[in-house]
PDB file of N, CA and C in Angstrom:
ATOM      1  N   UNK A   1      17.517  -5.612   5.682  1.00  0.00           N
ATOM      2  CA  UNK A   1      16.250  -5.628   6.269  1.00  0.00           C
ATOM      3  C   UNK A   1      16.429  -6.019   7.788  1.00  0.00           C
ATOM      4  N   UNK A   2      15.718  -5.281   8.609  1.00  0.00           N
ATOM      5  CA  UNK A   2      15.852  -5.522  10.073  1.00  0.00           C
ATOM      6  C   UNK A   2      15.176  -6.854  10.446  1.00  0.00           C
ATOM      7  N   UNK A   3      15.551  -7.374  11.626  1.00  0.00           N
ATOM      8  CA  UNK A   3      14.947  -8.664  12.046  1.00  0.00           C
ATOM      9  C   UNK A   3      13.388  -8.557  12.169  1.00  0.00           C
ATOM     10  N   UNK A   4      12.935  -7.436  12.655  1.00  0.00           N
ATOM     11  CA  UNK A   4      11.481  -7.306  12.728  1.00  0.00           C
ATOM     12  C   UNK A   4      10.796  -7.214  11.387  1.00  0.00           C
ATOM     13  N   UNK A   5      11.481  -6.619  10.433  1.00  0.00           N
ATOM     14  CA  UNK A   5      10.960  -6.593   9.076  1.00  0.00           C
ATOM     15  C   UNK A   5      10.930  -7.984   8.437  1.00  0.00           C
ATOM     16  N   UNK A   6      11.945  -8.808   8.747  1.00  0.00           N
ATOM     17  CA  UNK A   6      11.910 -10.202   8.295  1.00  0.00           C
ATOM     18  C   UNK A   6      10.707 -10.919   8.789  1.00  0.00           C
ATOM     19  N   UNK A   7      10.393 -10.719  10.040  1.00  0.00           N
ATOM     20  CA  UNK A   7       9.190 -11.340  10.667  1.00  0.00           C
ATOM     21  C   UNK A   7       7.950 -10.837  10.008  1.00  0.00           C
ATOM     22  N   UNK A   8       7.870  -9.532   9.729  1.00  0.00           N
ATOM     23  CA  UNK A   8       6.673  -8.957   9.100  1.00  0.00           C
ATOM     24  C   UNK A   8       6.541  -9.396   7.655  1.00  0.00           C
ATOM     25  N   UNK A   9       7.624  -9.846   7.060  1.00  0.00           N
ATOM     26  CA  UNK A   9       7.633 -10.321   5.648  1.00  0.00           C
ATOM     27  C   UNK A   9       7.207 -11.741   5.471  1.00  0.00           C
ATOM     28  N   UNK A  10       7.202 -12.473   6.586  1.00  0.00           N
ATOM     29  CA  UNK A  10       6.841 -13.904   6.566  1.00  0.00           C
ATOM     30  C   UNK A  10       5.413 -14.155   5.980  1.00  0.00           C
ATOM     31  N   UNK A  11       4.373 -13.443   6.438  1.00  0.00           N
ATOM     32  CA  UNK A  11       3.070 -13.694   5.847  1.00  0.00           C
ATOM     33  C   UNK A  11       3.026 -13.340   4.339  1.00  0.00           C
ATOM     34  N   UNK A  12       3.756 -12.334   3.926  1.00  0.00           N
ATOM     35  CA  UNK A  12       3.790 -11.948   2.506  1.00  0.00           C
ATOM     36  C   UNK A  12       4.432 -13.110   1.701  1.00  0.00           C
ATOM     37  N   UNK A  13       5.595 -13.619   2.213  1.00  0.00           N
ATOM     38  CA  UNK A  13       6.245 -14.708   1.486  1.00  0.00           C
ATOM     39  C   UNK A  13       5.349 -15.952   1.472  1.00  0.00           C
ATOM     40  N   UNK A  14       4.637 -16.223   2.581  1.00  0.00           N
ATOM     41  CA  UNK A  14       3.767 -17.385   2.574  1.00  0.00           C
ATOM     42  C   UNK A  14       2.617 -17.176   1.571  1.00  0.00           C
ATOM     43  N   UNK A  15       2.051 -16.003   1.515  1.00  0.00           N
ATOM     44  CA  UNK A  15       1.041 -15.708   0.483  1.00  0.00           C
ATOM     45  C   UNK A  15       1.562 -15.973  -0.923  1.00  0.00           C
ATOM     46  N   UNK A  16       2.775 -15.483  -1.182  1.00  0.00           N
ATOM     47  CA  UNK A  16       3.348 -15.635  -2.526  1.00  0.00           C
ATOM     48  C   UNK A  16       3.606 -17.094  -2.839  1.00  0.00           C
ATOM     49  N   UNK A  17       3.952 -17.872  -1.839  1.00  0.00           N
ATOM     50  CA  UNK A  17       4.296 -19.290  -2.056  1.00  0.00           C
ATOM     51  C   UNK A  17       3.035 -20.134  -2.177  1.00  0.00           C
ATOM     52  N   UNK A  18       2.002 -19.867  -1.381  1.00  0.00           N
ATOM     53  CA  UNK A  18       0.861 -20.746  -1.275  1.00  0.00           C
ATOM     54  C   UNK A  18      -0.326 -20.256  -2.092  1.00  0.00           C
ATOM     55  N   UNK A  19      -0.756 -19.013  -1.833  1.00  0.00           N
ATOM     56  CA  UNK A  19      -2.010 -18.553  -2.345  1.00  0.00           C
ATOM     57  C   UNK A  19      -1.972 -17.798  -3.682  1.00  0.00           C
ATOM     58  N   UNK A  20      -0.810 -17.255  -4.004  1.00  0.00           N
ATOM     59  CA  UNK A  20      -0.703 -16.365  -5.214  1.00  0.00           C
ATOM     60  C   UNK A  20      -1.187 -17.104  -6.456  1.00  0.00           C
ATOM     61  N   UNK A  21      -0.849 -18.329  -6.647  1.00  0.00           N
ATOM     62  CA  UNK A  21      -1.257 -19.062  -7.865  1.00  0.00           C
ATOM     63  C   UNK A  21      -2.779 -19.231  -7.927  1.00  0.00           C
ATOM     64  N   UNK A  22      -3.457 -19.341  -6.803  1.00  0.00           N
ATOM     65  CA  UNK A  22      -4.889 -19.515  -6.801  1.00  0.00           C
ATOM     66  C   UNK A  22      -5.626 -18.208  -7.031  1.00  0.00           C
ATOM     67  N   UNK A  23      -5.083 -17.128  -6.551  1.00  0.00           N
ATOM     68  CA  UNK A  23      -5.778 -15.841  -6.645  1.00  0.00           C
ATOM     69  C   UNK A  23      -5.780 -15.342  -8.101  1.00  0.00           C
ATOM     70  N   UNK A  24      -4.721 -15.596  -8.791  1.00  0.00           N
ATOM     71  CA  UNK A  24      -4.647 -15.140 -10.172  1.00  0.00           C
ATOM     72  C   UNK A  24      -3.723 -13.963 -10.341  1.00  0.00           C
ATOM     73  N   UNK A  25      -3.630 -13.482 -11.582  1.00  0.00           N
ATOM     74  CA  UNK A  25      -2.685 -12.407 -11.847  1.00  0.00           C
ATOM     75  C   UNK A  25      -3.402 -11.192 -12.409  1.00  0.00           C
ATOM     76  N   UNK A  26      -4.465 -10.802 -11.750  1.00  0.00           N
ATOM     77  CA  UNK A  26      -5.241  -9.608 -12.171  1.00  0.00           C
ATOM     78  C   UNK A  26      -4.938  -8.381 -11.359  1.00  0.00           C
ATOM     79  N   UNK A  27      -3.686  -8.148 -11.107  1.00  0.00           N
ATOM     80  CA  UNK A  27      -3.291  -6.985 -10.280  1.00  0.00           C
ATOM     81  C   UNK A  27      -3.571  -5.667 -10.974  1.00  0.00           C
ATOM     82  N   UNK A  28      -4.053  -4.689 -10.246  1.00  0.00           N
ATOM     83  CA  UNK A  28      -4.340  -3.361 -10.814  1.00  0.00           C
ATOM     84  C   UNK A  28      -3.064  -2.487 -10.842  1.00  0.00           C
ATOM     85  N   UNK A  29      -2.125  -2.793 -10.000  1.00  0.00           N
ATOM     86  CA  UNK A  29      -0.917  -1.995  -9.880  1.00  0.00           C
ATOM     87  C   UNK A  29       0.310  -2.734 -10.305  1.00  0.00           C
ATOM     88  N   UNK A  30       1.363  -1.962 -10.609  1.00  0.00           N
ATOM     89  CA  UNK A  30       2.708  -2.465 -10.877  1.00  0.00           C
ATOM     90  C   UNK A  30       3.659  -1.734  -9.944  1.00  0.00           C
ATOM     91  N   UNK A  31       4.439  -2.401  -9.165  1.00  0.00           N
ATOM     92  CA  UNK A  31       4.565  -3.852  -8.899  1.00  0.00           C
ATOM     93  C   UNK A  31       3.321  -4.370  -8.179  1.00  0.00           C
ATOM     94  N   UNK A  32       3.234  -5.693  -8.118  1.00  0.00           N
ATOM     95  CA  UNK A  32       2.093  -6.312  -7.399  1.00  0.00           C
ATOM     96  C   UNK A  32       2.174  -5.915  -5.894  1.00  0.00           C
ATOM     97  N   UNK A  33       1.051  -6.131  -5.245  1.00  0.00           N
ATOM     98  CA  UNK A  33       1.014  -5.735  -3.817  1.00  0.00           C
ATOM     99  C   UNK A  33       2.012  -6.527  -2.974  1.00  0.00           C
ATOM    100  N   UNK A  34       2.181  -7.795  -3.273  1.00  0.00           N
ATOM    101  CA  UNK A  34       3.203  -8.571  -2.501  1.00  0.00           C
ATOM    102  C   UNK A  34       4.621  -8.105  -2.753  1.00  0.00           C
ATOM    103  N   UNK A  35       4.928  -7.778  -3.986  1.00  0.00           N
ATOM    104  CA  UNK A  35       6.279  -7.254  -4.313  1.00  0.00           C
ATOM    105  C   UNK A  35       6.448  -5.872  -3.676  1.00  0.00           C
ATOM    106  N   UNK A  36       5.407  -5.091  -3.704  1.00  0.00           N
ATOM    107  CA  UNK A  36       5.441  -3.732  -3.055  1.00  0.00           C
ATOM    108  C   UNK A  36       5.669  -3.912  -1.540  1.00  0.00           C
ATOM    109  N   UNK A  37       5.018  -4.876  -0.930  1.00  0.00           N
ATOM    110  CA  UNK A  37       5.118  -5.055   0.522  1.00  0.00           C
ATOM    111  C   UNK A  37       6.562  -5.416   0.873  1.00  0.00           C
ATOM    112  N   UNK A  38       7.165  -6.381   0.085  1.00  0.00           N
ATOM    113  CA  UNK A  38       8.526  -6.788   0.408  1.00  0.00           C
ATOM    114  C   UNK A  38       9.498  -5.646   0.213  1.00  0.00           C
ATOM    115  N   UNK A  39       9.304  -4.862  -0.848  1.00  0.00           N
ATOM    116  CA  UNK A  39      10.158  -3.724  -1.069  1.00  0.00           C
ATOM    117  C   UNK A  39      10.010  -2.649  -0.037  1.00  0.00           C
ATOM    118  N   UNK A  40       8.791  -2.395   0.417  1.00  0.00           N
ATOM    119  CA  UNK A  40       8.501  -1.387   1.456  1.00  0.00           C
ATOM    120  C   UNK A  40       9.162  -1.821   2.770  1.00  0.00           C
ATOM    121  N   UNK A  41       9.057  -3.129   3.105  1.00  0.00           N
ATOM    122  CA  UNK A  41       9.648  -3.578   4.344  1.00  0.00           C
ATOM    123  C   UNK A  41      11.154  -3.525   4.307  1.00  0.00           C
ATOM    124  N   UNK A  42      11.704  -3.780   3.151  1.00  0.00           N
ATOM    125  CA  UNK A  42      13.195  -3.722   2.955  1.00  0.00           C
ATOM    126  C   UNK A  42      13.680  -2.267   3.059  1.00  0.00           C
ATOM    127  N   UNK A  43      12.981  -1.336   2.411  1.00  0.00           N
ATOM    128  CA  UNK A  43      13.443   0.037   2.404  1.00  0.00           C
ATOM    129  C   UNK A  43      13.189   0.791   3.721  1.00  0.00           C
ATOM    130  N   UNK A  44      11.986   0.543   4.310  1.00  0.00           N
ATOM    131  CA  UNK A  44      11.526   1.383   5.419  1.00  0.00           C
ATOM    132  C   UNK A  44      11.408   0.689   6.762  1.00  0.00           C
ATOM    133  N   UNK A  45      11.710  -0.589   6.796  1.00  0.00           N
ATOM    134  CA  UNK A  45      11.592  -1.318   8.099  1.00  0.00           C
ATOM    135  C   UNK A  45      10.170  -1.804   8.315  1.00  0.00           C
ATOM    136  N   UNK A  46      10.016  -2.386   9.531  1.00  0.00           N
ATOM    137  CA  UNK A  46       8.743  -3.088   9.827  1.00  0.00           C
ATOM    138  C   UNK A  46       7.576  -2.170   9.977  1.00  0.00           C
ATOM    139  N   UNK A  47       7.726  -1.065  10.693  1.00  0.00           N
ATOM    140  CA  UNK A  47       6.578  -0.257  10.999  1.00  0.00           C
ATOM    141  C   UNK A  47       6.112   0.645   9.852  1.00  0.00           C
ATOM    142  N   UNK A  48       7.029   1.398   9.281  1.00  0.00           N
ATOM    143  CA  UNK A  48       6.565   2.223   8.139  1.00  0.00           C
ATOM    144  C   UNK A  48       6.334   1.360   6.890  1.00  0.00           C
ATOM    145  N   UNK A  49       7.093   0.295   6.731  1.00  0.00           N
ATOM    146  CA  UNK A  49       6.809  -0.594   5.602  1.00  0.00           C
ATOM    147  C   UNK A  49       5.469  -1.293   5.691  1.00  0.00           C
ATOM    148  N   UNK A  50       5.029  -1.651   6.925  1.00  0.00           N
ATOM    149  CA  UNK A  50       3.725  -2.235   7.085  1.00  0.00           C
ATOM    150  C   UNK A  50       2.655  -1.193   6.883  1.00  0.00           C
ATOM    151  N   UNK A  51       2.866  -0.002   7.286  1.00  0.00           N
ATOM    152  CA  UNK A  51       1.884   1.093   7.091  1.00  0.00           C
ATOM    153  C   UNK A  51       1.710   1.306   5.579  1.00  0.00           C
ATOM    154  N   UNK A  52       2.819   1.414   4.862  1.00  0.00           N
ATOM    155  CA  UNK A  52       2.728   1.587   3.398  1.00  0.00           C
ATOM    156  C   UNK A  52       1.997   0.450   2.712  1.00  0.00           C
ATOM    157  N   UNK A  53       2.284  -0.761   3.180  1.00  0.00           N
ATOM    158  CA  UNK A  53       1.661  -1.907   2.580  1.00  0.00           C
ATOM    159  C   UNK A  53       0.131  -1.945   2.841  1.00  0.00           C
ATOM    160  N   UNK A  54      -0.245  -1.646   4.026  1.00  0.00           N
ATOM    161  CA  UNK A  54      -1.729  -1.617   4.355  1.00  0.00           C
ATOM    162  C   UNK A  54      -2.422  -0.548   3.565  1.00  0.00           C
ATOM    163  N   UNK A  55      -1.751   0.623   3.484  1.00  0.00           N
ATOM    164  CA  UNK A  55      -2.351   1.732   2.679  1.00  0.00           C
ATOM    165  C   UNK A  55      -2.464   1.290   1.190  1.00  0.00           C
ATOM    166  N   UNK A  56      -1.520   0.607   0.679  1.00  0.00           N
ATOM    167  CA  UNK A  56      -1.577   0.154  -0.713  1.00  0.00           C
ATOM    168  C   UNK A  56      -2.737  -0.860  -0.932  1.00  0.00           C
ATOM    169  N   UNK A  57      -2.844  -1.817   0.026  1.00  0.00           N
ATOM    170  CA  UNK A  57      -3.910  -2.831  -0.101  1.00  0.00           C
ATOM    171  C   UNK A  57      -5.295  -2.182  -0.018  1.00  0.00           C
ATOM    172  N   UNK A  58      -5.385  -1.183   0.815  1.00  0.00           N
ATOM    173  CA  UNK A  58      -6.689  -0.506   0.951  1.00  0.00           C
ATOM    174  C   UNK A  58      -7.066   0.291  -0.295  1.00  0.00           C
ATOM    175  N   UNK A  59      -6.133   0.646  -1.159  1.00  0.00           N
ATOM    176  CA  UNK A  59      -6.443   1.303  -2.381  1.00  0.00           C
ATOM    177  C   UNK A  59      -6.775   0.382  -3.513  1.00  0.00           C
ATOM    178  N   UNK A  60      -6.658  -0.896  -3.284  1.00  0.00           N
ATOM    179  CA  UNK A  60      -6.901  -1.896  -4.327  1.00  0.00           C
ATOM    180  C   UNK A  60      -8.394  -2.293  -4.271  1.00  0.00           C
ATOM    181  N   UNK A  61      -9.238  -1.522  -4.918  1.00  0.00           N
ATOM    182  CA  UNK A  61     -10.648  -1.835  -4.991  1.00  0.00           C
ATOM    183  C   UNK A  61     -11.153  -1.284  -6.346  1.00  0.00           C
ATOM    184  N   UNK A  62     -12.351  -1.632  -6.756  1.00  0.00           N
ATOM    185  CA  UNK A  62     -12.838  -1.278  -8.070  1.00  0.00           C
ATOM    186  C   UNK A  62     -12.831   0.207  -8.342  1.00  0.00           C
ATOM    187  N   UNK A  63     -13.025   1.069  -7.372  1.00  0.00           N
ATOM    188  CA  UNK A  63     -13.068   2.509  -7.568  1.00  0.00           C
ATOM    189  C   UNK A  63     -11.666   3.156  -7.345  1.00  0.00           C
ATOM    190  N   UNK A  64     -10.702   2.272  -6.951  1.00  0.00           N
ATOM    191  CA  UNK A  64      -9.333   2.833  -6.696  1.00  0.00           C
ATOM    192  C   UNK A  64      -8.595   3.049  -7.970  1.00  0.00           C
ATOM    193  N   UNK A  65      -7.361   3.454  -7.841  1.00  0.00           N
ATOM    194  CA  UNK A  65      -6.521   3.691  -9.009  1.00  0.00           C
ATOM    195  C   UNK A  65      -5.888   2.398  -9.570  1.00  0.00           C
ATOM    196  N   UNK A  66      -5.033   2.631 -10.536  1.00  0.00           N
ATOM    197  CA  UNK A  66      -4.282   1.540 -11.110  1.00  0.00           C
ATOM    198  C   UNK A  66      -3.069   2.138 -11.761  1.00  0.00           C
ATOM    199  N   UNK A  67      -2.143   1.284 -12.188  1.00  0.00           N
ATOM    200  CA  UNK A  67      -0.973   1.782 -12.847  1.00  0.00           C
ATOM    201  C   UNK A  67       0.308   1.509 -12.079  1.00  0.00           C
ATOM    202  N   UNK A  68       1.291   2.301 -12.321  1.00  0.00           N
ATOM    203  CA  UNK A  68       2.583   2.138 -11.617  1.00  0.00           C
ATOM    204  C   UNK A  68       2.577   2.898 -10.301  1.00  0.00           C
ATOM    205  N   UNK A  69       2.870   2.186  -9.270  1.00  0.00           N
ATOM    206  CA  UNK A  69       2.878   2.731  -7.924  1.00  0.00           C
ATOM    207  C   UNK A  69       4.097   2.181  -7.198  1.00  0.00           C
ATOM    208  N   UNK A  70       5.196   2.902  -7.251  1.00  0.00           N
ATOM    209  CA  UNK A  70       6.412   2.434  -6.636  1.00  0.00           C
ATOM    210  C   UNK A  70       6.474   2.843  -5.193  1.00  0.00           C
ATOM    211  N   UNK A  71       7.299   2.189  -4.414  1.00  0.00           N
ATOM    212  CA  UNK A  71       7.484   2.500  -3.015  1.00  0.00           C
ATOM    213  C   UNK A  71       8.171   3.843  -2.911  1.00  0.00           C
ATOM    214  N   UNK A  72       7.661   4.774  -2.096  1.00  0.00           N
ATOM    215  CA  UNK A  72       8.311   6.064  -1.951  1.00  0.00           C
ATOM    216  C   UNK A  72       9.676   5.979  -1.301  1.00  0.00           C
ATOM    217  N   UNK A  73      10.567   6.886  -1.539  1.00  0.00           N
ATOM    218  CA  UNK A  73      11.873   6.872  -0.950  1.00  0.00           C
ATOM    219  C   UNK A  73      11.861   7.418   0.444  1.00  0.00           C
TER     220      UNK A  73
END
């Protein structure tokens, strides 16, 4: 993971450490959005990984999809 991707991953890691237990485990997708974000940042770097993460979070709504959604290669 690039140094910029490590910096971009800090809010995701903080969310997983602090807020994840309060939000609950009602995720619509597998892997969860935070796991998806970390994997996208690791595979694609800070910019494309952040883009993929934001796109994934925007799809997480009642009319959106669900199921298995892996990070593209």
